[in-house]
Every structure is written in structure tokens, then in C-alpha cells.
Amino acid sequence: MKQYSYLLSLICALFITLPCNAQQVNDDPVDEQYRECIKIDSTSGNICTCAYIAYAKYNEQMNKTYKKLLKSLKLPKEKTVLQQSQTAWMAYRDAEFKTYDVMFNLPGDKWCGIRQYDRLEIVKARIISLKNYLTALEKK
């Protein structure tokens, strides 16, 4: 029972912080394309497809931002710390995705859209963190 309360607390914390972080990327073209995609066809199956497409674009954006940040770092220690951070983040991401797959493995198309949207929100949050690191680096 203790494990479930810890897990619930962790999930609640995630859902409290992700919307705050997501607001910083709302003007992103990927978000606009996602909203337009849903406007065209708001069926559950299409929402899932739209979220999947947006996730792929955000994942690409995250990878580019990570590479740019890594290239901007001068000291080997900074690069090592960033690489370790990214590796740890990817483990977190993968664990969350497995959780989504289990928790949202329910009948009906709507769960696919929810699962995909939650995935893209995690990647968006990482993009914000990486961009914040770049901004801090530029101010050094």
C-alpha cells in the first residue's frame, strides 16, 4: 500500500509540474499543428494519430536541442554531466511510457490519444529544461 501512495504522489507531482512547463512551449509550431490536426478530425483515432505525429516532431526537436547544448559545452565535466542527465532522463521517460502502456491499456480508442499526448508532454518538458540550460550557458 505504501508503494501505491508513493506512486500516486509522484504522478500527482508530475501532472502538477508538466502543465506549468508546457505553457512555455504553447506558441510552438508543433502545438499549433497538433491543434489544427484535431480540428480537421476530432475522432479518437485521429487524435491518437495527431498526438503521435506531434510526439515525433517534439522528439526530433529535443534531440536537436540536446546536441546543440552538448556542442556548446566547453568543459569535459559539463559534457559528462549532461550526458549522464540525458541518460537518466531517458530511463525515466521509458519507465513512464511503460506505465502509460499498462495504465491506459483499456478498451476504446480514446486511451491511445491520452497515452500519446502524455508522452509528448514529457518530451516537451525536457525541451524546456534543455533550452533553459542553453539560456543559462549563454549568460555565462
C-alpha atoms as a PDB file:
ATOM      1  CA  MET A   1       0.000   0.000   0.000  1.00  0.00           C
ATOM      2  CA  LYS A   2       2.909   2.314   0.783  1.00  0.00           C
ATOM      3  CA  GLN A   3       4.242   1.843  -2.751  1.00  0.00           C
ATOM      4  CA  TYR A   4       0.933   2.930  -4.271  1.00  0.00           C
ATOM      5  CA  SER A   5       0.757   6.104  -2.202  1.00  0.00           C
ATOM      6  CA  TYR A   6       4.333   6.942  -3.222  1.00  0.00           C
ATOM      7  CA  LEU A   7       3.489   6.270  -6.880  1.00  0.00           C
ATOM      8  CA  LEU A   8       0.333   8.354  -6.632  1.00  0.00           C
ATOM      9  CA  SER A   9       2.299  11.238  -5.085  1.00  0.00           C
ATOM     10  CA  LEU A  10       4.871  11.029  -7.867  1.00  0.00           C
ATOM     11  CA  ILE A  11       2.211  11.013 -10.565  1.00  0.00           C
ATOM     12  CA  CYS A  12       0.416  13.958  -8.962  1.00  0.00           C
ATOM     13  CA  ALA A  13       3.661  15.925  -8.813  1.00  0.00           C
ATOM     14  CA  LEU A  14       4.290  15.174 -12.474  1.00  0.00           C
ATOM     15  CA  PHE A  15       0.843  16.350 -13.525  1.00  0.00           C
ATOM     16  CA  ILE A  16       1.189  19.500 -11.459  1.00  0.00           C
ATOM     17  CA  THR A  17       4.552  20.469 -12.977  1.00  0.00           C
ATOM     18  CA  LEU A  18       4.023  19.419 -16.589  1.00  0.00           C
ATOM     19  CA  PRO A  19       1.209  21.885 -17.331  1.00  0.00           C
ATOM     20  CA  CYS A  20       3.372  24.707 -15.944  1.00  0.00           C
ATOM     21  CA  ASN A  21       6.267  23.703 -18.171  1.00  0.00           C
ATOM     22  CA  ALA A  22       4.028  23.087 -21.165  1.00  0.00           C
ATOM     23  CA  GLN A  23       2.782  26.682 -21.062  1.00  0.00           C
ATOM     24  CA  GLN A  24       6.267  27.838 -22.006  1.00  0.00           C
ATOM     25  CA  VAL A  25       6.065  25.981 -25.341  1.00  0.00           C
ATOM     26  CA  ASN A  26       2.446  26.765 -26.230  1.00  0.00           C
ATOM     27  CA  ASP A  27       3.435  29.027 -29.108  1.00  0.00           C
ATOM     28  CA  ASP A  28       5.476  26.246 -30.641  1.00  0.00           C
ATOM     29  CA  PRO A  29       4.510  25.413 -34.250  1.00  0.00           C
ATOM     30  CA  VAL A  30       4.175  21.737 -33.311  1.00  0.00           C
ATOM     31  CA  ASP A  31       1.422  22.608 -30.817  1.00  0.00           C
ATOM     32  CA  GLU A  32      -0.350  24.656 -33.468  1.00  0.00           C
ATOM     33  CA  GLN A  33      -0.106  21.784 -35.974  1.00  0.00           C
ATOM     34  CA  TYR A  34      -1.456  19.404 -33.332  1.00  0.00           C
ATOM     35  CA  ARG A  35      -4.452  21.652 -32.626  1.00  0.00           C
ATOM     36  CA  GLU A  36      -5.125  22.081 -36.354  1.00  0.00           C
ATOM     37  CA  CYS A  37      -4.890  18.323 -36.899  1.00  0.00           C
ATOM     38  CA  ILE A  38      -7.530  17.729 -34.232  1.00  0.00           C
ATOM     39  CA  LYS A  39      -9.786  20.453 -35.670  1.00  0.00           C
ATOM     40  CA  ILE A  40      -9.828  18.635 -39.008  1.00  0.00           C
ATOM     41  CA  ASP A  41     -10.935  15.347 -37.462  1.00  0.00           C
ATOM     42  CA  SER A  42     -11.712  15.046 -33.764  1.00  0.00           C
ATOM     43  CA  THR A  43     -12.329  11.309 -33.701  1.00  0.00           C
ATOM     44  CA  SER A  44     -10.418   9.344 -31.079  1.00  0.00           C
ATOM     45  CA  GLY A  45      -8.364   7.530 -33.697  1.00  0.00           C
ATOM     46  CA  ASN A  46      -7.279  10.761 -35.348  1.00  0.00           C
ATOM     47  CA  ILE A  47      -6.456  12.414 -32.023  1.00  0.00           C
ATOM     48  CA  CYS A  48      -4.122   9.481 -31.390  1.00  0.00           C
ATOM     49  CA  THR A  49      -2.527   9.942 -34.819  1.00  0.00           C
ATOM     50  CA  CYS A  50      -2.166  13.713 -34.319  1.00  0.00           C
ATOM     51  CA  ALA A  51      -0.527  13.194 -30.919  1.00  0.00           C
ATOM     52  CA  TYR A  52       1.804  10.560 -32.376  1.00  0.00           C
ATOM     53  CA  ILE A  53       2.905  12.951 -35.137  1.00  0.00           C
ATOM     54  CA  ALA A  54       3.426  15.778 -32.616  1.00  0.00           C
ATOM     55  CA  TYR A  55       5.406  13.452 -30.352  1.00  0.00           C
ATOM     56  CA  ALA A  56       7.730  12.516 -33.222  1.00  0.00           C
ATOM     57  CA  LYS A  57       8.307  16.202 -34.031  1.00  0.00           C
ATOM     58  CA  TYR A  58       8.952  17.084 -30.393  1.00  0.00           C
ATOM     59  CA  ASN A  59      11.325  14.160 -30.038  1.00  0.00           C
ATOM     60  CA  GLU A  60      13.273  15.430 -33.044  1.00  0.00           C
ATOM     61  CA  GLN A  61      13.288  18.953 -31.575  1.00  0.00           C
ATOM     62  CA  MET A  62      14.503  17.606 -28.237  1.00  0.00           C
ATOM     63  CA  ASN A  63      17.353  15.693 -29.899  1.00  0.00           C
ATOM     64  CA  LYS A  64      18.450  18.791 -31.835  1.00  0.00           C
ATOM     65  CA  THR A  65      18.345  20.933 -28.696  1.00  0.00           C
ATOM     66  CA  TYR A  66      20.339  18.329 -26.754  1.00  0.00           C
ATOM     67  CA  LYS A  67      23.004  18.140 -29.475  1.00  0.00           C
ATOM     68  CA  LYS A  68      23.215  21.928 -29.656  1.00  0.00           C
ATOM     69  CA  LEU A  69      23.647  22.156 -25.898  1.00  0.00           C
ATOM     70  CA  LEU A  70      26.244  19.387 -25.829  1.00  0.00           C
ATOM     71  CA  LYS A  71      28.195  21.117 -28.595  1.00  0.00           C
ATOM     72  CA  SER A  72      28.043  24.430 -26.691  1.00  0.00           C
ATOM     73  CA  LEU A  73      29.631  22.989 -23.565  1.00  0.00           C
ATOM     74  CA  LYS A  74      33.367  23.583 -23.316  1.00  0.00           C
ATOM     75  CA  LEU A  75      34.500  21.516 -20.349  1.00  0.00           C
ATOM     76  CA  PRO A  76      34.565  17.708 -20.461  1.00  0.00           C
ATOM     77  CA  LYS A  77      32.970  17.596 -16.988  1.00  0.00           C
ATOM     78  CA  GLU A  78      29.994  19.651 -18.228  1.00  0.00           C
ATOM     79  CA  LYS A  79      29.526  17.324 -21.185  1.00  0.00           C
ATOM     80  CA  THR A  80      29.736  14.241 -18.970  1.00  0.00           C
ATOM     81  CA  VAL A  81      27.158  15.632 -16.545  1.00  0.00           C
ATOM     82  CA  LEU A  82      24.772  16.495 -19.387  1.00  0.00           C
ATOM     83  CA  GLN A  83      25.196  13.052 -20.941  1.00  0.00           C
ATOM     84  CA  GLN A  84      24.506  11.403 -17.586  1.00  0.00           C
ATOM     85  CA  SER A  85      21.470  13.610 -17.112  1.00  0.00           C
ATOM     86  CA  GLN A  86      20.115  12.735 -20.546  1.00  0.00           C
ATOM     87  CA  THR A  87      20.673   9.033 -19.939  1.00  0.00           C
ATOM     88  CA  ALA A  88      18.831   9.251 -16.616  1.00  0.00           C
ATOM     89  CA  TRP A  89      16.021  11.258 -18.224  1.00  0.00           C
ATOM     90  CA  MET A  90      15.647   8.657 -20.981  1.00  0.00           C
ATOM     91  CA  ALA A  91      15.359   5.904 -18.355  1.00  0.00           C
ATOM     92  CA  TYR A  92      12.663   7.965 -16.594  1.00  0.00           C
ATOM     93  CA  ARG A  93      10.880   8.576 -19.908  1.00  0.00           C
ATOM     94  CA  ASP A  94      10.939   4.899 -20.825  1.00  0.00           C
ATOM     95  CA  ALA A  95       9.638   3.890 -17.382  1.00  0.00           C
ATOM     96  CA  GLU A  96       6.821   6.429 -17.637  1.00  0.00           C
ATOM     97  CA  PHE A  97       5.902   5.185 -21.097  1.00  0.00           C
ATOM     98  CA  LYS A  98       5.692   1.616 -19.796  1.00  0.00           C
ATOM     99  CA  THR A  99       3.448   2.866 -17.009  1.00  0.00           C
ATOM    100  CA  TYR A 100       1.217   4.653 -19.526  1.00  0.00           C
ATOM    101  CA  ASP A 101       1.009   1.491 -21.602  1.00  0.00           C
ATOM    102  CA  VAL A 102      -0.144  -0.502 -18.571  1.00  0.00           C
ATOM    103  CA  MET A 103      -2.428   2.115 -17.030  1.00  0.00           C
ATOM    104  CA  PHE A 104      -4.077   3.153 -20.295  1.00  0.00           C
ATOM    105  CA  ASN A 105      -4.346  -0.339 -21.783  1.00  0.00           C
ATOM    106  CA  LEU A 106      -8.127  -0.113 -21.708  1.00  0.00           C
ATOM    107  CA  PRO A 107     -10.821  -0.719 -24.305  1.00  0.00           C
ATOM    108  CA  GLY A 108     -11.590   2.201 -26.575  1.00  0.00           C
ATOM    109  CA  ASP A 109      -9.644   4.483 -28.893  1.00  0.00           C
ATOM    110  CA  LYS A 110      -9.612   7.475 -26.535  1.00  0.00           C
ATOM    111  CA  TRP A 111      -6.908   5.909 -24.356  1.00  0.00           C
ATOM    112  CA  CYS A 112      -4.459   5.881 -27.241  1.00  0.00           C
ATOM    113  CA  GLY A 113      -4.790   9.650 -27.641  1.00  0.00           C
ATOM    114  CA  ILE A 114      -4.344  10.212 -23.918  1.00  0.00           C
ATOM    115  CA  ARG A 115      -1.293   7.949 -23.816  1.00  0.00           C
ATOM    116  CA  GLN A 116       0.317   9.660 -26.829  1.00  0.00           C
ATOM    117  CA  TYR A 117      -0.457  13.154 -25.539  1.00  0.00           C
ATOM    118  CA  ASP A 118       1.083  12.356 -22.150  1.00  0.00           C
ATOM    119  CA  ARG A 119       4.189  11.117 -23.938  1.00  0.00           C
ATOM    120  CA  LEU A 120       4.607  14.320 -25.898  1.00  0.00           C
ATOM    121  CA  GLU A 121       4.162  16.384 -22.725  1.00  0.00           C
ATOM    122  CA  ILE A 122       7.121  14.606 -21.118  1.00  0.00           C
ATOM    123  CA  VAL A 123       9.300  15.374 -24.128  1.00  0.00           C
ATOM    124  CA  LYS A 124       8.113  18.993 -24.189  1.00  0.00           C
ATOM    125  CA  ALA A 125       9.138  19.368 -20.555  1.00  0.00           C
ATOM    126  CA  ARG A 126      12.618  18.056 -21.384  1.00  0.00           C
ATOM    127  CA  ILE A 127      12.906  20.508 -24.286  1.00  0.00           C
ATOM    128  CA  ILE A 128      12.155  23.351 -21.874  1.00  0.00           C
ATOM    129  CA  SER A 129      14.850  22.131 -19.471  1.00  0.00           C
ATOM    130  CA  LEU A 130      17.430  21.852 -22.238  1.00  0.00           C
ATOM    131  CA  LYS A 131      16.531  25.304 -23.585  1.00  0.00           C
ATOM    132  CA  ASN A 132      16.853  26.731 -20.077  1.00  0.00           C
ATOM    133  CA  TYR A 133      20.344  25.208 -19.845  1.00  0.00           C
ATOM    134  CA  LEU A 134      21.243  26.834 -23.181  1.00  0.00           C
ATOM    135  CA  THR A 135      19.965  30.204 -21.979  1.00  0.00           C
ATOM    136  CA  ALA A 136      21.975  29.928 -18.759  1.00  0.00           C
ATOM    137  CA  LEU A 137      25.056  28.937 -20.747  1.00  0.00           C
ATOM    138  CA  GLU A 138      24.695  31.978 -23.000  1.00  0.00           C
ATOM    139  CA  LYS A 139      24.636  34.237 -19.929  1.00  0.00           C
ATOM    140  CA  LYS A 140      27.927  32.858 -18.532  1.00  0.00           C
END
